[in-house]
Amino acid sequence: MGGELAVISRRTVVGTGALLGGLTVAPSLMGVAGFGLGFRNAAATDGDALGFLPATDLARLIRNKEVGSLELTRYFIDRIERFDETLNAVVVRDFERALNAAKRADEALMRGKILGPLHGLPMTIKESFDIEGLPTTWGMPAFSDNIARRDADVVKRFKTAGAHFMGKTNVPFGLGDYQSYNAIYGTTRNPWDPERTPGGSSGGTAASLAAGMTGLDSGSDIGGSIRNPAHYCGVFGHKPTWQVVSGKGHALPGSYAAPDLAVVGPMARSAEDLALAMELVAGPGELDAAGWQLRLPQPRGKALRDYRVAVWVTDEFAPPSKAIADRIQQVADALAKSGARVSDSARPAFDAKESHYTYITLLESFLSAQRPEEQYEAAREYAAGFAADDESEDAVWARASILEHRDWIHSHNVRTRIRGHWKAFFEDWDIVLSPIMVTTAFAHDHSPIDDRTLIVDGKEVSYWNQLFWAGLATLPFLPSTVFPAGLADDGLPVGLQAIGAEYNDRTTIEFARLVTREIGGFRPPPGFAD
């Protein structure tokens, strides 16, 4: 194509019939296995079951020549074309390059060469990550013409492991919402109920995984943006310890420094996939690689009976709905029955209000630094309207939006003290089990963001109160893994977060694996496995 990159997006829709040579890919994949490259049809490819296998299983099928990479890539493209008209999750499409990469993977395998642990795996990634030749907009029209010139570090590491990318998944404007909609790509819907949000900001990622349209994906998280979509869509997500995974290439033009609080991490349909993905992507970025190497501790236990679990069911800042609180208690009971040591009263020795307000202060400080000068001046005027001794949450947000560096230093010092309390706590405990959001997925709400509320068991609450649960792990840089814990009475998924000590990422992921082995893990949403 004259050196031009073929980019398929919602803005420049190109039919994939030409890319597939006019071939219609049947859901059963019959008659297309390997296209003469010597692959045999997989026994595991009945109907749409293939789309819901973990990435680790898919990669094994490819290595064993039970399914071809080209076959699997065509299969996922077919599912995207069948289901994404409703979901609008894979909003930037790069099918031609994906198919070419799949052909190369199949040819390499026939020569006896394995490209890596994810050899030939087709996957997607959040729109906010750079992939050379594709747009990176963060859902912001001002960046609609921003075409990435190189791959993000995470993208490079997945490619080095043998994976290739079919496209990118939708986000909210500026990655700043529990929903995923914007003026460039439109609204993403939840596979469990299209009238509801899939979460944000990694909402397109969670929806794609839940609907069986991709093998693996990766998101980012500063306010629960990996964890809340995982909860809403019934998939797995891991928020790593801060700086364990390089965030280079997850930024808009002009941004170079690693942001405070924010991380990038994997999302998947199994804990095993999270574990493998972390092994592949964790490690320093290029500015740090000359001076340090990462060595994460092994999991603290091999069976549920080995774990000491503190259960944090509710808090005055953000009481969860009865459905979520009941589900946490049911999981806690199952843990105790399995021999785990479980407590509903063990807490780290700091004030939860101070922790929450310190998180808000540092979060809003980061967010305000991204805003234009005129918005900063408006924020200054707004903050001036609060009395100096006003300790309400609105006042904390207002003052944080005009934070000076000396004030940031003070808040960072408080954070460091709180990190010390967490460290001491995790000498006696391995996991904190808590909600990540206070309700199941809520109905789309595109009203002004500051006017929104949620209904929790009939009571109207602030849209932003539930940041408390995200902040428990985000403020002190702790790893947190969200895993599916069944369905609520409304038929929607409930995800719980397992928080661990700094750098104990393997522990939270392994705990999620062990728990979901007992209580059940990912399940396909109705209507997508037919």
Protein backbone atom coordinates (compact mmCIF):
# COMPACT_ATOMS: atom_id res chain seq x y z
CA MET A 1 0.00 0.00 0.00
CA GLY A 2 2.80 2.37 -0.88
CA GLY A 3 4.19 2.26 2.67
CA GLU A 4 0.99 3.71 4.10
CA LEU A 5 -0.34 2.08 7.27
CA ALA A 6 -3.86 0.73 6.94
CA VAL A 7 -5.78 2.12 9.90
CA ILE A 8 -9.43 1.26 10.39
CA SER A 9 -11.28 3.35 12.94
CA ARG A 10 -14.76 4.67 13.65
CA ARG A 11 -13.73 7.82 11.81
CA THR A 12 -12.50 6.07 8.64
CA VAL A 13 -14.50 2.89 8.39
CA VAL A 14 -13.23 0.44 5.78
CA GLY A 15 -15.03 -2.83 5.19
CA THR A 16 -12.91 -5.79 6.17
CA GLY A 17 -14.20 -7.94 3.35
CA ALA A 18 -11.34 -6.75 1.15
CA LEU A 19 -8.81 -7.44 3.88
CA LEU A 20 -10.14 -10.97 4.24
CA GLY A 21 -10.15 -11.56 0.51
CA GLY A 22 -13.94 -11.69 0.51
CA LEU A 23 -13.94 -14.68 2.86
CA THR A 24 -16.76 -14.97 5.36
CA VAL A 25 -15.38 -16.44 8.59
CA ALA A 26 -17.92 -18.77 10.13
CA PRO A 27 -18.17 -18.85 13.94
CA SER A 28 -17.31 -22.54 13.88
CA LEU A 29 -14.08 -21.81 11.96
CA MET A 30 -14.70 -24.93 9.89
CA GLY A 31 -12.70 -25.21 6.72
CA VAL A 32 -10.29 -22.37 7.46
CA ALA A 33 -7.91 -23.91 9.98
CA GLY A 34 -4.40 -22.88 9.03
CA PHE A 35 -5.20 -22.31 5.33
CA GLY A 36 -2.91 -25.10 4.23
CA LEU A 37 -0.18 -24.37 6.76
CA GLY A 38 -0.66 -27.74 8.44
CA PHE A 39 -2.82 -26.76 11.43
CA ARG A 40 -5.67 -28.96 12.58
CA ASN A 41 -9.01 -27.70 13.84
CA ALA A 42 -9.03 -27.39 17.61
CA ALA A 43 -11.39 -29.52 19.64
CA ALA A 44 -11.88 -26.43 21.80
CA THR A 45 -13.33 -24.36 18.94
CA ASP A 46 -16.97 -25.42 19.24
CA GLY A 47 -19.23 -22.46 18.47
CA ASP A 48 -18.02 -19.32 20.17
CA ALA A 49 -16.28 -21.06 23.09
CA LEU A 50 -12.89 -20.13 21.65
CA GLY A 51 -13.54 -16.44 22.25
CA PHE A 52 -13.86 -16.96 25.98
CA LEU A 53 -10.75 -19.01 26.59
CA PRO A 54 -7.95 -17.41 28.61
CA ALA A 55 -5.03 -16.05 26.63
CA THR A 56 -2.77 -18.71 28.14
CA ASP A 57 -5.00 -21.43 26.65
CA LEU A 58 -5.20 -19.68 23.29
CA ALA A 59 -1.42 -19.34 23.11
CA ARG A 60 -1.03 -23.03 23.96
CA LEU A 61 -3.46 -24.02 21.19
CA ILE A 62 -1.39 -22.03 18.72
CA ARG A 63 1.91 -23.49 19.86
CA ASN A 64 0.44 -27.00 19.64
CA LYS A 65 -0.81 -26.24 16.12
CA GLU A 66 -4.40 -26.95 17.17
CA VAL A 67 -5.42 -23.55 15.86
CA GLY A 68 -3.52 -21.13 13.64
CA SER A 69 -2.74 -17.56 14.56
CA LEU A 70 -4.32 -16.43 11.29
CA GLU A 71 -7.37 -18.56 12.01
CA LEU A 72 -7.71 -17.12 15.51
CA THR A 73 -7.18 -13.55 14.35
CA ARG A 74 -9.86 -13.91 11.66
CA TYR A 75 -12.12 -15.44 14.28
CA PHE A 76 -11.79 -12.48 16.67
CA ILE A 77 -12.21 -10.02 13.77
CA ASP A 78 -15.44 -11.79 12.91
CA ARG A 79 -16.66 -11.47 16.51
CA ILE A 80 -15.76 -7.78 16.56
CA GLU A 81 -17.75 -7.24 13.36
CA ARG A 82 -20.72 -9.20 14.73
CA PHE A 83 -20.94 -7.72 18.20
CA ASP A 84 -19.23 -4.36 18.23
CA GLU A 85 -21.98 -2.58 16.34
CA THR A 86 -23.85 -2.77 19.64
CA LEU A 87 -20.96 -2.46 22.09
CA ASN A 88 -18.71 0.07 20.31
CA ALA A 89 -15.67 -1.15 22.23
CA VAL A 90 -12.92 -1.67 19.60
CA VAL A 91 -12.98 1.84 18.20
CA VAL A 92 -9.63 1.90 16.40
CA ARG A 93 -9.11 -1.08 14.11
CA ASP A 94 -5.90 -2.29 12.56
CA PHE A 95 -7.03 -5.56 11.01
CA GLU A 96 -4.72 -5.68 8.00
CA ARG A 97 -1.52 -5.42 10.01
CA ALA A 98 -2.92 -7.91 12.51
CA LEU A 99 -3.62 -10.45 9.76
CA ASN A 100 -0.16 -9.97 8.30
CA ALA A 101 1.43 -10.47 11.72
CA ALA A 102 -0.66 -13.61 12.22
CA LYS A 103 0.55 -15.03 8.89
CA ARG A 104 4.15 -14.40 9.93
CA ALA A 105 3.52 -16.11 13.27
CA ASP A 106 2.11 -19.20 11.52
CA GLU A 107 5.00 -19.31 9.09
CA ALA A 108 7.52 -19.00 11.94
CA LEU A 109 5.87 -21.85 13.80
CA MET A 110 6.05 -24.07 10.74
CA ARG A 111 9.80 -23.42 10.74
CA GLY A 112 9.93 -24.50 14.37
CA LYS A 113 10.40 -20.98 15.75
CA ILE A 114 8.40 -19.81 18.79
CA LEU A 115 8.19 -16.01 18.95
CA GLY A 116 7.44 -15.95 22.68
CA PRO A 117 4.93 -17.01 25.35
CA LEU A 118 2.12 -15.28 23.44
CA HIS A 119 3.16 -16.55 20.02
CA GLY A 120 0.52 -15.52 17.50
CA LEU A 121 -2.00 -14.22 20.05
CA PRO A 122 -4.33 -11.49 18.70
CA MET A 123 -5.15 -8.84 21.30
CA THR A 124 -6.33 -5.27 21.73
CA ILE A 125 -5.22 -2.44 24.00
CA LYS A 126 -6.67 0.72 25.53
CA GLU A 127 -6.76 3.68 23.15
CA SER A 128 -4.50 5.71 25.43
CA PHE A 129 -1.47 3.50 24.65
CA ASP A 130 0.63 4.40 21.62
CA ILE A 131 0.80 1.96 18.72
CA GLU A 132 2.86 3.24 15.84
CA GLY A 133 0.63 4.53 13.05
CA LEU A 134 -2.59 4.58 15.08
CA PRO A 135 -4.33 7.54 16.74
CA THR A 136 -3.84 8.22 20.44
CA THR A 137 -6.45 10.77 21.48
CA TRP A 138 -7.61 9.85 25.02
CA GLY A 139 -11.06 10.66 23.62
CA MET A 140 -10.18 14.35 23.31
CA PRO A 141 -11.04 16.07 20.00
CA ALA A 142 -8.05 18.40 20.40
CA PHE A 143 -5.83 15.34 19.83
CA SER A 144 -7.88 13.71 17.07
CA ASP A 145 -4.98 14.05 14.62
CA ASN A 146 -2.33 12.71 16.98
CA ILE A 147 -0.85 9.64 15.29
CA ALA A 148 1.66 7.69 17.35
CA ARG A 149 5.17 7.50 15.91
CA ARG A 150 6.34 4.58 18.07
CA ASP A 151 4.96 1.88 20.32
CA ALA A 152 4.41 2.28 24.06
CA ASP A 153 6.70 0.17 26.24
CA VAL A 154 3.82 -2.16 27.15
CA VAL A 155 2.97 -2.62 23.47
CA LYS A 156 6.61 -3.41 22.68
CA ARG A 157 6.76 -5.99 25.45
CA PHE A 158 3.60 -7.77 24.32
CA LYS A 159 4.90 -7.81 20.75
CA THR A 160 8.25 -9.17 21.93
CA ALA A 161 6.29 -11.97 23.61
CA GLY A 162 4.74 -12.84 20.23
CA ALA A 163 1.36 -11.07 20.38
CA HIS A 164 -0.07 -8.73 17.76
CA PHE A 165 -2.76 -6.04 17.95
CA MET A 166 -6.10 -5.92 16.15
CA GLY A 167 -6.90 -2.43 17.42
CA LYS A 168 -7.56 -0.17 20.37
CA THR A 169 -10.45 0.12 22.82
CA ASN A 170 -12.59 3.04 23.88
CA VAL A 171 -12.08 5.47 26.78
CA PRO A 172 -13.83 8.49 28.31
CA PHE A 173 -12.75 12.05 27.57
CA GLY A 174 -9.31 12.49 29.10
CA LEU A 175 -9.65 9.10 30.84
CA GLY A 176 -11.65 10.86 33.55
CA ASP A 177 -14.90 8.98 34.12
CA TYR A 178 -16.54 5.77 35.32
CA GLN A 179 -18.07 5.59 31.83
CA SER A 180 -16.43 5.35 28.40
CA TYR A 181 -17.79 7.83 25.89
CA ASN A 182 -16.36 10.77 23.97
CA ALA A 183 -17.02 12.97 20.96
CA ILE A 184 -14.58 11.09 18.73
CA TYR A 185 -15.64 7.48 19.16
CA GLY A 186 -19.04 7.61 20.84
CA THR A 187 -20.38 5.49 23.72
CA THR A 188 -19.24 2.01 24.77
CA ARG A 189 -21.85 -0.30 26.25
CA ASN A 190 -21.72 -3.11 28.77
CA PRO A 191 -22.11 -6.63 27.30
CA TRP A 192 -24.18 -7.64 30.31
CA ASP A 193 -26.68 -4.84 29.63
CA PRO A 194 -26.12 -2.33 26.80
CA GLU A 195 -28.11 0.26 28.72
CA ARG A 196 -25.37 0.34 31.36
CA THR A 197 -21.79 1.54 31.55
CA PRO A 198 -18.89 -0.88 31.08
CA GLY A 199 -16.91 1.38 33.41
CA GLY A 200 -14.04 3.73 32.74
CA SER A 201 -11.57 4.65 31.86
CA SER A 202 -10.67 1.16 30.58
CA GLY A 203 -14.29 0.48 29.65
CA GLY A 204 -13.69 -0.57 26.06
CA THR A 205 -11.06 -3.01 27.26
CA ALA A 206 -13.37 -4.68 29.80
CA ALA A 207 -16.27 -4.85 27.34
CA SER A 208 -14.08 -6.43 24.63
CA LEU A 209 -12.78 -9.09 26.99
CA ALA A 210 -16.20 -9.90 28.40
CA ALA A 211 -17.74 -10.19 24.93
CA GLY A 212 -15.00 -12.53 23.69
CA MET A 213 -13.67 -10.12 21.07
CA THR A 214 -9.99 -10.23 22.06
CA GLY A 215 -7.46 -12.53 23.63
CA LEU A 216 -5.91 -10.10 26.11
CA ASP A 217 -5.76 -6.37 26.85
CA SER A 218 -4.19 -3.76 29.08
CA GLY A 219 -5.54 -0.70 30.85
CA SER A 220 -4.45 2.10 33.14
CA ASP A 221 -5.54 3.17 36.61
CA ILE A 222 -5.36 6.24 38.83
CA GLY A 223 -8.89 6.23 40.24
CA GLY A 224 -9.90 2.62 39.67
CA SER A 225 -9.79 2.74 35.86
CA ILE A 226 -8.63 -0.88 35.56
CA ARG A 227 -10.56 -2.10 38.56
CA ASN A 228 -14.03 -0.60 38.13
CA PRO A 229 -14.48 -1.81 34.51
CA ALA A 230 -13.30 -5.27 35.57
CA HIS A 231 -15.99 -5.23 38.28
CA TYR A 232 -18.74 -3.91 35.99
CA CYS A 233 -18.01 -6.39 33.18
CA GLY A 234 -17.06 -9.48 35.18
CA VAL A 235 -13.41 -9.80 34.13
CA PHE A 236 -10.03 -9.69 35.87
CA GLY A 237 -7.87 -6.59 36.24
CA HIS A 238 -4.62 -5.85 38.01
CA LYS A 239 -3.45 -2.46 39.26
CA PRO A 240 0.29 -2.95 39.78
CA THR A 241 2.50 -1.43 42.42
CA TRP A 242 3.39 2.06 41.25
CA GLN A 243 6.24 2.14 38.69
CA VAL A 244 6.51 -1.65 38.44
CA VAL A 245 5.33 -1.43 34.80
CA SER A 246 6.73 1.27 32.54
CA GLY A 247 4.13 3.81 31.47
CA LYS A 248 6.19 5.25 28.63
CA GLY A 249 3.97 5.68 25.60
CA HIS A 250 0.84 6.03 27.70
CA ALA A 251 0.78 9.82 27.46
CA LEU A 252 -0.36 12.68 25.26
CA PRO A 253 2.12 14.90 23.39
CA GLY A 254 4.21 17.01 25.75
CA SER A 255 3.97 14.62 28.71
CA TYR A 256 7.24 12.93 29.70
CA ALA A 257 7.35 12.42 33.47
CA ALA A 258 5.80 9.39 35.15
CA PRO A 259 2.56 10.69 36.70
CA ASP A 260 1.98 10.46 40.43
CA LEU A 261 -0.43 7.68 41.46
CA ALA A 262 -1.11 6.39 37.93
CA VAL A 263 -0.16 2.89 36.73
CA VAL A 264 -0.67 0.67 33.69
CA GLY A 265 -1.59 -2.98 34.03
CA PRO A 266 -3.23 -6.03 32.41
CA MET A 267 -6.88 -7.00 32.08
CA ALA A 268 -7.97 -10.51 31.15
CA ARG A 269 -10.41 -13.38 31.55
CA SER A 270 -8.32 -15.27 34.08
CA ALA A 271 -5.86 -14.69 36.89
CA GLU A 272 -3.37 -16.90 35.04
CA ASP A 273 -3.45 -14.39 32.19
CA LEU A 274 -2.77 -11.53 34.60
CA ALA A 275 0.19 -13.43 36.04
CA LEU A 276 1.70 -14.14 32.63
CA ALA A 277 1.10 -10.60 31.41
CA MET A 278 2.82 -9.14 34.46
CA GLU A 279 5.84 -11.38 33.91
CA LEU A 280 6.03 -10.01 30.37
CA VAL A 281 5.47 -6.29 30.89
CA ALA A 282 6.89 -5.57 34.37
CA GLY A 283 10.26 -3.89 34.57
CA PRO A 284 11.90 -0.47 34.28
CA GLY A 285 11.50 1.97 31.42
CA GLU A 286 14.49 3.01 29.34
CA LEU A 287 15.44 5.91 31.63
CA ASP A 288 15.78 3.54 34.60
CA ALA A 289 16.90 0.30 32.96
CA ALA A 290 20.62 1.03 33.35
CA GLY A 291 20.31 1.26 37.13
CA TRP A 292 17.73 -1.12 38.49
CA GLN A 293 16.10 -4.49 37.93
CA LEU A 294 12.80 -5.74 39.26
CA ARG A 295 12.50 -8.76 41.54
CA LEU A 296 8.96 -9.25 42.79
CA PRO A 297 8.44 -11.57 45.78
CA GLN A 298 6.81 -14.92 45.17
CA PRO A 299 3.17 -15.34 46.32
CA ARG A 300 2.80 -15.54 50.07
CA GLY A 301 0.75 -18.73 49.90
CA LYS A 302 0.09 -21.73 47.67
CA ALA A 303 -3.40 -22.51 48.98
CA LEU A 304 -6.24 -20.44 50.44
CA ARG A 305 -5.52 -21.85 53.89
CA ASP A 306 -2.11 -20.12 53.74
CA TYR A 307 -3.64 -16.62 53.51
CA ARG A 308 -4.46 -14.11 56.22
CA VAL A 309 -7.31 -11.97 54.92
CA ALA A 310 -8.63 -8.73 56.40
CA VAL A 311 -12.14 -8.08 55.09
CA TRP A 312 -13.09 -4.39 54.74
CA VAL A 313 -16.80 -4.66 53.89
CA THR A 314 -17.94 -1.05 54.30
CA ASP A 315 -16.88 2.43 55.34
CA GLU A 316 -18.71 5.61 56.23
CA PHE A 317 -17.26 7.40 53.18
CA ALA A 318 -18.72 4.98 50.64
CA PRO A 319 -21.01 2.24 51.98
CA PRO A 320 -21.54 -0.34 49.22
CA SER A 321 -24.96 -1.63 48.25
CA LYS A 322 -26.30 -4.56 50.21
CA ALA A 323 -25.79 -6.79 47.17
CA ILE A 324 -22.05 -6.06 47.09
CA ALA A 325 -21.62 -6.18 50.88
CA ASP A 326 -23.43 -9.53 50.98
CA ARG A 327 -21.21 -10.91 48.25
CA ILE A 328 -18.07 -9.88 50.14
CA GLN A 329 -19.39 -11.65 53.22
CA GLN A 330 -20.15 -14.78 51.21
CA VAL A 331 -16.61 -14.82 49.84
CA ALA A 332 -15.21 -14.22 53.33
CA ASP A 333 -17.22 -17.17 54.62
CA ALA A 334 -15.90 -19.35 51.80
CA LEU A 335 -12.35 -18.30 52.65
CA ALA A 336 -12.82 -19.19 56.29
CA LYS A 337 -14.29 -22.55 55.28
CA SER A 338 -11.18 -23.16 53.16
CA GLY A 339 -8.98 -22.63 56.19
CA ALA A 340 -7.86 -19.05 55.59
CA ARG A 341 -7.48 -16.77 58.59
CA VAL A 342 -10.19 -14.13 58.16
CA SER A 343 -10.92 -10.97 60.14
CA ASP A 344 -13.56 -8.30 59.60
CA SER A 345 -11.96 -5.91 62.09
CA ALA A 346 -8.22 -5.87 61.30
CA ARG A 347 -7.21 -2.47 59.93
CA PRO A 348 -3.95 -0.60 59.36
CA ALA A 349 -3.13 1.96 62.03
CA PHE A 350 -4.07 5.16 60.24
CA ASP A 351 -7.16 7.30 60.01
CA ALA A 352 -9.23 6.36 56.95
CA LYS A 353 -10.46 9.94 56.58
CA GLU A 354 -6.90 11.27 56.47
CA SER A 355 -5.94 8.63 53.90
CA HIS A 356 -8.95 9.42 51.72
CA TYR A 357 -8.44 13.16 51.83
CA THR A 358 -4.72 12.81 51.14
CA TYR A 359 -5.58 10.70 48.10
CA ILE A 360 -8.09 13.28 46.86
CA THR A 361 -5.52 16.03 47.38
CA LEU A 362 -2.81 14.30 45.36
CA LEU A 363 -5.25 13.08 42.71
CA GLU A 364 -6.77 16.50 42.13
CA SER A 365 -3.32 18.08 42.20
CA PHE A 366 -2.29 15.78 39.35
CA LEU A 367 -5.50 16.41 37.40
CA SER A 368 -5.37 20.18 37.81
CA ALA A 369 -1.85 20.27 36.39
CA GLN A 370 -3.32 19.10 33.07
CA ARG A 371 -5.84 21.94 32.84
CA PRO A 372 -5.49 25.20 30.90
CA GLU A 373 -4.62 28.38 32.78
CA GLU A 374 -8.14 29.86 32.58
CA GLN A 375 -9.55 26.81 34.35
CA TYR A 376 -6.91 27.15 37.04
CA GLU A 377 -7.96 30.75 37.70
CA ALA A 378 -11.61 29.69 37.92
CA ALA A 379 -10.60 26.99 40.40
CA ARG A 380 -8.75 29.58 42.49
CA GLU A 381 -11.88 31.70 42.75
CA TYR A 382 -13.98 28.67 43.65
CA ALA A 383 -11.56 27.57 46.36
CA ALA A 384 -11.56 31.05 47.87
CA GLY A 385 -15.25 30.58 48.71
CA PHE A 386 -14.50 27.94 51.37
CA ALA A 387 -13.53 28.88 54.91
CA ALA A 388 -10.00 27.95 55.93
CA ASP A 389 -11.27 25.51 58.58
CA ASP A 390 -13.81 23.83 56.26
CA GLU A 391 -12.89 20.13 56.14
CA SER A 392 -15.74 18.99 53.91
CA GLU A 393 -14.93 16.85 50.90
CA ASP A 394 -15.92 19.69 48.54
CA ALA A 395 -13.44 21.99 50.26
CA VAL A 396 -10.68 19.38 50.04
CA TRP A 397 -11.27 18.97 46.30
CA ALA A 398 -11.34 22.75 45.78
CA ARG A 399 -8.09 23.41 47.65
CA ALA A 400 -6.37 20.48 45.95
CA SER A 401 -7.13 21.95 42.52
CA ILE A 402 -4.83 24.91 43.26
CA LEU A 403 -2.23 23.04 45.30
CA GLU A 404 1.21 24.65 45.48
CA HIS A 405 4.33 22.52 45.49
CA ARG A 406 5.01 22.98 49.20
CA ASP A 407 1.50 21.72 49.91
CA TRP A 408 2.09 18.74 47.64
CA ILE A 409 5.26 17.97 49.62
CA HIS A 410 3.20 17.98 52.81
CA SER A 411 0.62 15.60 51.34
CA HIS A 412 3.35 13.36 49.96
CA ASN A 413 4.86 13.23 53.46
CA VAL A 414 1.49 12.13 54.90
CA ARG A 415 1.27 9.51 52.17
CA THR A 416 4.71 8.18 53.06
CA ARG A 417 3.69 7.86 56.71
CA ILE A 418 0.56 5.96 55.61
CA ARG A 419 2.73 3.67 53.46
CA GLY A 420 4.65 2.82 56.62
CA HIS A 421 1.44 1.87 58.40
CA TRP A 422 0.46 -0.37 55.50
CA LYS A 423 3.88 -2.02 55.58
CA ALA A 424 3.47 -2.83 59.26
CA PHE A 425 -0.06 -4.11 58.67
CA PHE A 426 1.07 -6.48 55.94
CA GLU A 427 3.55 -8.11 58.28
CA ASP A 428 0.52 -9.70 59.96
CA TRP A 429 -1.88 -9.89 57.00
CA ASP A 430 -1.55 -10.87 53.35
CA ILE A 431 -4.69 -9.50 51.70
CA VAL A 432 -7.28 -6.81 52.25
CA LEU A 433 -10.55 -7.83 50.59
CA SER A 434 -12.88 -4.94 49.81
CA PRO A 435 -15.33 -3.49 47.27
CA ILE A 436 -14.00 -1.45 44.37
CA MET A 437 -17.31 0.26 43.57
CA VAL A 438 -20.51 0.68 45.57
CA THR A 439 -22.99 -0.61 42.98
CA THR A 440 -23.10 -2.91 40.01
CA ALA A 441 -22.91 -1.24 36.58
CA PHE A 442 -25.19 1.79 36.45
CA ALA A 443 -27.21 3.23 33.57
CA HIS A 444 -25.48 5.57 31.13
CA ASP A 445 -25.51 9.13 32.43
CA HIS A 446 -24.06 11.84 30.19
CA SER A 447 -25.28 14.77 32.27
CA PRO A 448 -22.68 17.30 33.51
CA ILE A 449 -20.20 15.26 35.49
CA ASP A 450 -20.33 17.38 38.64
CA ASP A 451 -24.13 17.03 38.79
CA ARG A 452 -24.23 13.24 38.73
CA THR A 453 -25.29 11.03 41.60
CA LEU A 454 -25.76 7.31 42.19
CA ILE A 455 -28.56 5.47 43.91
CA VAL A 456 -27.33 2.98 46.50
CA ASP A 457 -30.15 0.93 48.05
CA GLY A 458 -32.58 3.77 47.43
CA LYS A 459 -30.30 6.50 48.76
CA GLU A 460 -28.81 9.18 46.52
CA VAL A 461 -25.04 9.54 46.97
CA SER A 462 -22.24 11.47 45.33
CA TYR A 463 -20.95 10.11 42.02
CA TRP A 464 -17.38 10.43 43.32
CA ASN A 465 -17.72 9.05 46.87
CA GLN A 466 -16.68 5.59 45.79
CA LEU A 467 -13.20 6.85 44.94
CA PHE A 468 -12.57 5.89 48.55
CA TRP A 469 -12.26 2.24 47.57
CA ALA A 470 -9.90 2.93 44.68
CA GLY A 471 -7.81 5.23 46.84
CA LEU A 472 -7.17 2.59 49.50
CA ALA A 473 -4.62 0.99 47.18
CA THR A 474 -3.75 3.92 44.90
CA LEU A 475 -2.52 6.43 47.48
CA PRO A 476 0.11 4.12 49.06
CA PHE A 477 1.19 2.55 45.73
CA LEU A 478 -0.23 -0.90 46.62
CA PRO A 479 -1.06 -3.65 44.11
CA SER A 480 -4.72 -4.57 43.76
CA THR A 481 -6.33 -7.36 41.75
CA VAL A 482 -10.04 -7.31 40.93
CA PHE A 483 -11.65 -10.69 40.27
CA PRO A 484 -15.20 -11.77 39.36
CA ALA A 485 -17.11 -12.90 42.44
CA GLY A 486 -20.44 -13.91 40.92
CA LEU A 487 -23.61 -12.07 39.99
CA ALA A 488 -25.82 -9.80 42.05
CA ASP A 489 -29.60 -10.18 42.21
CA ASP A 490 -29.88 -7.80 39.25
CA GLY A 491 -27.96 -10.31 37.13
CA LEU A 492 -24.90 -8.07 36.81
CA PRO A 493 -21.32 -8.99 37.75
CA VAL A 494 -19.75 -8.20 41.11
CA GLY A 495 -15.98 -7.84 41.29
CA LEU A 496 -13.99 -7.57 44.51
CA GLN A 497 -10.51 -6.18 44.99
CA ALA A 498 -7.67 -7.98 46.74
CA ILE A 499 -5.08 -5.46 47.99
CA GLY A 500 -1.59 -6.55 48.97
CA ALA A 501 1.69 -5.14 50.25
CA GLU A 502 3.88 -3.05 47.94
CA TYR A 503 5.57 -5.21 45.31
CA ASN A 504 3.46 -8.22 46.30
CA ASP A 505 1.72 -8.21 42.91
CA ARG A 506 2.17 -11.94 42.57
CA THR A 507 0.40 -12.47 45.88
CA THR A 508 -2.78 -10.57 44.95
CA ILE A 509 -2.95 -12.26 41.54
CA GLU A 510 -2.39 -15.72 43.00
CA PHE A 511 -5.00 -15.06 45.69
CA ALA A 512 -7.47 -14.10 42.95
CA ARG A 513 -6.62 -17.32 41.10
CA LEU A 514 -7.19 -19.46 44.18
CA VAL A 515 -10.42 -17.72 45.16
CA THR A 516 -11.98 -17.92 41.72
CA ARG A 517 -11.01 -21.57 41.47
CA GLU A 518 -13.30 -22.10 44.48
CA ILE A 519 -16.16 -19.69 43.76
CA GLY A 520 -16.07 -19.54 39.96
CA GLY A 521 -14.40 -16.89 37.83
CA PHE A 522 -15.19 -15.38 34.46
CA ARG A 523 -18.47 -16.28 32.80
CA PRO A 524 -19.63 -15.07 29.36
CA PRO A 525 -22.48 -12.55 29.32
CA PRO A 526 -25.78 -13.82 27.89
CA GLY A 527 -26.10 -13.49 24.15
CA PHE A 528 -22.40 -13.61 23.33
CA ALA A 529 -21.79 -17.35 23.58
CA ASP A 530 -24.58 -18.41 21.22
